[in-house]
C-alpha atoms as a PDB file:
ATOM      1  CA  MET A   1     -15.532   3.176  54.363  1.00  0.00           C
ATOM      2  CA  THR A   2     -13.492   3.652  51.192  1.00  0.00           C
ATOM      3  CA  THR A   3     -12.129   6.996  50.102  1.00  0.00           C
ATOM      4  CA  LYS A   4     -11.829   7.824  46.608  1.00  0.00           C
ATOM      5  CA  THR A   5      -8.999  10.160  45.492  1.00  0.00           C
ATOM      6  CA  ARG A   6      -9.061  12.154  42.316  1.00  0.00           C
ATOM      7  CA  THR A   7      -5.899  12.323  40.298  1.00  0.00           C
ATOM      8  CA  LYS A   8      -5.589  15.255  38.107  1.00  0.00           C
ATOM      9  CA  VAL A   9      -4.503  14.300  34.586  1.00  0.00           C
ATOM     10  CA  GLY A  10      -2.841  17.051  32.615  1.00  0.00           C
ATOM     11  CA  THR A  11      -3.892  20.757  32.677  1.00  0.00           C
ATOM     12  CA  PRO A  12      -7.239  22.027  31.694  1.00  0.00           C
ATOM     13  CA  ARG A  13      -7.723  23.028  28.147  1.00  0.00           C
ATOM     14  CA  LEU A  14      -8.357  26.738  28.446  1.00  0.00           C
ATOM     15  CA  ASP A  15      -7.148  27.542  24.980  1.00  0.00           C
ATOM     16  CA  PRO A  16     -10.239  27.411  22.608  1.00  0.00           C
ATOM     17  CA  THR A  17      -8.254  26.081  19.690  1.00  0.00           C
ATOM     18  CA  GLU A  18      -6.662  23.315  21.770  1.00  0.00           C
ATOM     19  CA  ARG A  19     -10.044  22.391  23.175  1.00  0.00           C
ATOM     20  CA  LEU A  20     -11.513  22.118  19.650  1.00  0.00           C
ATOM     21  CA  ARG A  21      -8.555  20.022  18.406  1.00  0.00           C
ATOM     22  CA  HIS A  22      -9.080  17.635  21.280  1.00  0.00           C
ATOM     23  CA  ARG A  23     -12.801  17.496  20.638  1.00  0.00           C
ATOM     24  CA  PHE A  24     -11.955  16.385  17.195  1.00  0.00           C
ATOM     25  CA  TYR A  25      -9.295  13.850  17.768  1.00  0.00           C
ATOM     26  CA  GLU A  26     -10.687  12.232  20.929  1.00  0.00           C
ATOM     27  CA  PRO A  27     -13.612  10.539  18.985  1.00  0.00           C
ATOM     28  CA  LEU A  28     -11.010   9.194  16.452  1.00  0.00           C
ATOM     29  CA  LEU A  29      -8.921   7.684  19.340  1.00  0.00           C
ATOM     30  CA  LEU A  30     -12.127   6.064  20.807  1.00  0.00           C
ATOM     31  CA  LEU A  31     -13.216   4.802  17.468  1.00  0.00           C
ATOM     32  CA  GLY A  32      -9.695   3.233  16.964  1.00  0.00           C
ATOM     33  CA  MET A  33      -9.883   1.540  20.411  1.00  0.00           C
ATOM     34  CA  LEU A  34     -13.376   0.245  19.784  1.00  0.00           C
ATOM     35  CA  ASN A  35     -12.486  -1.089  16.374  1.00  0.00           C
ATOM     36  CA  PRO A  36      -8.776  -1.918  16.082  1.00  0.00           C
ATOM     37  CA  ARG A  37      -7.589  -2.422  12.510  1.00  0.00           C
ATOM     38  CA  ARG A  38      -8.482  -5.906  11.503  1.00  0.00           C
ATOM     39  CA  ASN A  39      -5.778  -7.954   9.672  1.00  0.00           C
ATOM     40  CA  GLY A  40      -7.955 -10.983   9.341  1.00  0.00           C
ATOM     41  CA  GLY A  41      -6.833 -12.463   6.088  1.00  0.00           C
ATOM     42  CA  HIS A  42      -6.655  -9.460   3.774  1.00  0.00           C
ATOM     43  CA  GLU A  43      -3.529  -8.028   2.462  1.00  0.00           C
ATOM     44  CA  GLN A  44      -1.816  -4.840   3.573  1.00  0.00           C
ATOM     45  CA  PRO A  45      -1.935  -1.938   1.136  1.00  0.00           C
ATOM     46  CA  THR A  46       0.688  -1.985  -1.490  1.00  0.00           C
ATOM     47  CA  VAL A  47       3.665   0.381  -1.086  1.00  0.00           C
ATOM     48  CA  ALA A  48       2.126   2.802  -3.640  1.00  0.00           C
ATOM     49  CA  PHE A  49      -0.738   3.393  -1.149  1.00  0.00           C
ATOM     50  CA  ARG A  50       1.655   4.001   1.835  1.00  0.00           C
ATOM     51  CA  THR A  51       3.586   6.912   0.390  1.00  0.00           C
ATOM     52  CA  ARG A  52       3.722  10.107   2.318  1.00  0.00           C
ATOM     53  CA  ASN A  53       1.706  11.994  -0.518  1.00  0.00           C
ATOM     54  CA  PHE A  54      -1.188   9.511  -0.497  1.00  0.00           C
ATOM     55  CA  ILE A  55      -1.475   9.478   3.236  1.00  0.00           C
ATOM     56  CA  SER A  56      -1.498  13.176   3.583  1.00  0.00           C
ATOM     57  CA  ASP A  57      -3.991  13.490   0.639  1.00  0.00           C
ATOM     58  CA  TRP A  58      -6.165  10.841   2.275  1.00  0.00           C
ATOM     59  CA  ARG A  59      -6.131  12.524   5.657  1.00  0.00           C
ATOM     60  CA  ARG A  60      -6.937  15.902   3.975  1.00  0.00           C
ATOM     61  CA  PHE A  61      -9.919  14.221   2.283  1.00  0.00           C
ATOM     62  CA  LEU A  62     -11.155  12.761   5.655  1.00  0.00           C
ATOM     63  CA  ASP A  63     -10.698  16.065   7.298  1.00  0.00           C
ATOM     64  CA  ALA A  64     -12.760  17.737   4.663  1.00  0.00           C
ATOM     65  CA  LEU A  65     -15.511  15.181   5.049  1.00  0.00           C
ATOM     66  CA  ALA A  66     -15.452  15.673   8.726  1.00  0.00           C
ATOM     67  CA  TRP A  67     -15.639  19.599   8.228  1.00  0.00           C
ATOM     68  CA  PHE A  68     -19.063  19.097   6.406  1.00  0.00           C
ATOM     69  CA  GLY A  69     -20.327  16.937   9.101  1.00  0.00           C
ATOM     70  CA  ASP A  70     -19.473  19.616  11.687  1.00  0.00           C
ATOM     71  CA  TYR A  71     -22.067  21.978  10.310  1.00  0.00           C
ATOM     72  CA  LYS A  72     -22.227  24.233  13.440  1.00  0.00           C
ATOM     73  CA  HIS A  73     -19.486  26.577  14.612  1.00  0.00           C
ATOM     74  CA  GLY A  74     -18.214  26.501  18.096  1.00  0.00           C
ATOM     75  CA  GLY A  75     -18.134  22.838  18.956  1.00  0.00           C
ATOM     76  CA  GLN A  76     -21.819  22.218  19.077  1.00  0.00           C
ATOM     77  CA  THR A  77     -21.324  19.358  16.432  1.00  0.00           C
ATOM     78  CA  VAL A  78     -18.331  17.159  16.344  1.00  0.00           C
ATOM     79  CA  THR A  79     -17.654  14.571  13.562  1.00  0.00           C
ATOM     80  CA  ALA A  80     -14.698  12.197  13.148  1.00  0.00           C
ATOM     81  CA  ILE A  81     -14.229   9.853  10.234  1.00  0.00           C
ATOM     82  CA  ALA A  82     -11.987   6.840   9.961  1.00  0.00           C
ATOM     83  CA  ALA A  83     -11.544   4.577   6.923  1.00  0.00           C
ATOM     84  CA  ASP A  84     -10.809   0.893   6.720  1.00  0.00           C
ATOM     85  CA  SER A  85      -9.482  -0.631   3.598  1.00  0.00           C
ATOM     86  CA  SER A  86     -10.700  -4.193   2.783  1.00  0.00           C
ATOM     87  CA  PRO A  87     -10.833  -6.379  -0.256  1.00  0.00           C
ATOM     88  CA  ALA A  88     -14.541  -5.395  -0.686  1.00  0.00           C
ATOM     89  CA  GLY A  89     -13.621  -1.712  -0.720  1.00  0.00           C
ATOM     90  CA  VAL A  90     -13.160   1.109   1.748  1.00  0.00           C
ATOM     91  CA  HIS A  91     -15.490   1.176   4.736  1.00  0.00           C
ATOM     92  CA  PHE A  92     -15.999   4.629   6.475  1.00  0.00           C
ATOM     93  CA  TRP A  93     -16.572   4.823  10.193  1.00  0.00           C
ATOM     94  CA  ILE A  94     -18.324   7.998  11.159  1.00  0.00           C
ATOM     95  CA  ALA A  95     -18.603   9.228  14.800  1.00  0.00           C
ATOM     96  CA  SER A  96     -20.716  12.302  15.304  1.00  0.00           C
ATOM     97  CA  THR A  97     -22.777  14.107  17.940  1.00  0.00           C
ATOM     98  CA  ARG A  98     -25.561  14.568  15.447  1.00  0.00           C
ATOM     99  CA  GLU A  99     -27.449  12.242  13.218  1.00  0.00           C
ATOM    100  CA  LYS A 100     -27.801  14.938  10.535  1.00  0.00           C
ATOM    101  CA  SER A 101     -23.924  14.925  10.213  1.00  0.00           C
ATOM    102  CA  ALA A 102     -23.653  11.230   9.379  1.00  0.00           C
ATOM    103  CA  THR A 103     -26.560  11.435   6.860  1.00  0.00           C
ATOM    104  CA  LEU A 104     -24.887  14.351   5.234  1.00  0.00           C
ATOM    105  CA  ILE A 105     -21.546  12.649   4.954  1.00  0.00           C
ATOM    106  CA  GLN A 106     -23.329   9.358   3.729  1.00  0.00           C
ATOM    107  CA  GLY A 107     -24.948  11.316   0.975  1.00  0.00           C
ATOM    108  CA  ILE A 108     -21.659  12.968  -0.122  1.00  0.00           C
ATOM    109  CA  LEU A 109     -19.891   9.534  -0.175  1.00  0.00           C
ATOM    110  CA  HIS A 110     -22.885   8.043  -2.178  1.00  0.00           C
ATOM    111  CA  HIS A 111     -22.441  10.885  -4.841  1.00  0.00           C
ATOM    112  CA  LEU A 112     -18.600  10.365  -4.875  1.00  0.00           C
ATOM    113  CA  LEU A 113     -19.078   6.590  -5.388  1.00  0.00           C
ATOM    114  CA  ALA A 114     -21.484   7.417  -8.342  1.00  0.00           C
ATOM    115  CA  LEU A 115     -18.660   9.556  -9.963  1.00  0.00           C
ATOM    116  CA  SER A 116     -16.609   6.353 -10.559  1.00  0.00           C
ATOM    117  CA  SER A 117     -19.085   5.071 -13.237  1.00  0.00           C
ATOM    118  CA  ALA A 118     -20.631   8.339 -14.490  1.00  0.00           C
ATOM    119  CA  SER A 119     -20.175   9.842 -17.878  1.00  0.00           C
ATOM    120  CA  ASN A 120     -18.369  13.174 -18.146  1.00  0.00           C
ATOM    121  CA  ASP A 121     -21.700  15.131 -18.225  1.00  0.00           C
ATOM    122  CA  ASP A 122     -22.913  13.253 -15.308  1.00  0.00           C
ATOM    123  CA  LYS A 123     -19.725  13.856 -13.421  1.00  0.00           C
ATOM    124  CA  ILE A 124     -20.314  17.650 -13.747  1.00  0.00           C
ATOM    125  CA  ALA A 125     -23.847  17.390 -12.591  1.00  0.00           C
ATOM    126  CA  ILE A 126     -22.945  15.164  -9.561  1.00  0.00           C
ATOM    127  CA  GLY A 127     -20.167  17.656  -8.675  1.00  0.00           C
ATOM    128  CA  ARG A 128     -22.688  20.482  -8.725  1.00  0.00           C
ATOM    129  CA  ILE A 129     -25.035  18.501  -6.488  1.00  0.00           C
ATOM    130  CA  ILE A 130     -22.209  17.885  -4.009  1.00  0.00           C
ATOM    131  CA  VAL A 131     -21.228  21.557  -3.975  1.00  0.00           C
ATOM    132  CA  ALA A 132     -24.846  22.674  -3.551  1.00  0.00           C
ATOM    133  CA  GLN A 133     -25.524  20.262  -0.658  1.00  0.00           C
ATOM    134  CA  SER A 134     -22.275  21.146   1.006  1.00  0.00           C
ATOM    135  CA  VAL A 135     -22.768  24.822   0.727  1.00  0.00           C
ATOM    136  CA  GLN A 136     -26.445  24.623   1.966  1.00  0.00           C
ATOM    137  CA  SER A 137     -25.550  22.416   5.019  1.00  0.00           C
ATOM    138  CA  SER A 138     -22.601  24.591   5.987  1.00  0.00           C
ATOM    139  CA  ARG A 139     -24.205  28.027   5.397  1.00  0.00           C
ATOM    140  CA  ASN A 140     -24.570  28.891   9.130  1.00  0.00           C
ATOM    141  CA  LYS A 141     -21.170  27.739   9.927  1.00  0.00           C
ATOM    142  CA  ILE A 142     -19.656  29.926   7.065  1.00  0.00           C
ATOM    143  CA  LYS A 143     -21.610  32.907   8.302  1.00  0.00           C
ATOM    144  CA  ASN A 144     -20.439  32.443  11.888  1.00  0.00           C
ATOM    145  CA  TYR A 145     -16.779  32.113  10.593  1.00  0.00           C
ATOM    146  CA  THR A 146     -17.208  35.234   8.690  1.00  0.00           C
ATOM    147  CA  ARG A 147     -18.597  37.134  11.786  1.00  0.00           C
ATOM    148  CA  PHE A 148     -15.746  35.749  13.905  1.00  0.00           C
ATOM    149  CA  LEU A 149     -13.099  36.799  11.404  1.00  0.00           C
ATOM    150  CA  ARG A 150     -14.566  40.265  11.058  1.00  0.00           C
ATOM    151  CA  LEU A 151     -14.496  40.688  14.842  1.00  0.00           C
ATOM    152  CA  LYS A 152     -10.889  39.542  14.971  1.00  0.00           C
ATOM    153  CA  LEU A 153      -9.828  41.779  12.056  1.00  0.00           C
ATOM    154  CA  ALA A 154     -11.458  44.779  13.671  1.00  0.00           C
ATOM    155  CA  ALA A 155      -9.711  44.049  16.849  1.00  0.00           C
ATOM    156  CA  ALA A 156      -6.367  43.599  15.264  1.00  0.00           C
ATOM    157  CA  SER A 157      -6.836  46.660  13.083  1.00  0.00           C
ATOM    158  CA  SER A 158      -7.764  49.002  16.061  1.00  0.00           C
ATOM    159  CA  GLN A 159      -4.710  47.703  18.035  1.00  0.00           C
ATOM    160  CA  SER A 160      -2.241  48.217  15.199  1.00  0.00           C
ATOM    161  CA  LEU A 161      -3.332  51.731  14.077  1.00  0.00           C
ATOM    162  CA  PRO A 162      -2.088  53.627  17.161  1.00  0.00           C
ATOM    163  CA  GLU A 163       1.353  51.873  16.797  1.00  0.00           C
ATOM    164  CA  VAL A 164       1.537  53.067  13.040  1.00  0.00           C
ATOM    165  CA  GLN A 165       0.619  56.517  14.086  1.00  0.00           C
ATOM    166  CA  GLU A 166       3.213  56.774  16.881  1.00  0.00           C
ATOM    167  CA  GLY A 167       5.924  55.597  14.446  1.00  0.00           C
ATOM    168  CA  MET A 168       5.109  58.463  11.973  1.00  0.00           C
END
């Protein structure tokens, strides 16, 4: 008879912010392990693309895309996006708990690709389409954030008012 021992790894994530952060980054790590960066014959990015500003802007862009895919507040939907550069272009890898998230992000990327060859008038129209789709898909999430912030502000103001009155 074999006995199985459980080894506790780390502490439980009781802090909601820490839990959400791990829910976001764990799929990225998994995606990286499942598909390590391929260096099969294509060149590494030039020095211009490896600057700190470019990398931070690129990460901000991917985070913003993932935010649109995470259309429900509270961890019910989780989306992670990675990008792989190749001579044929950039390939986006989307890991999500919901099919709707991947479809939404693919639509946004399709519109962004259309921007590169569009006229100025078309660029404005495409920009409006992206904004409208993004707001529509994230409407419930924004409402939940608003409710959450109002509760936190009310709690903070009720705690700080007695302190102000005592100091007077």
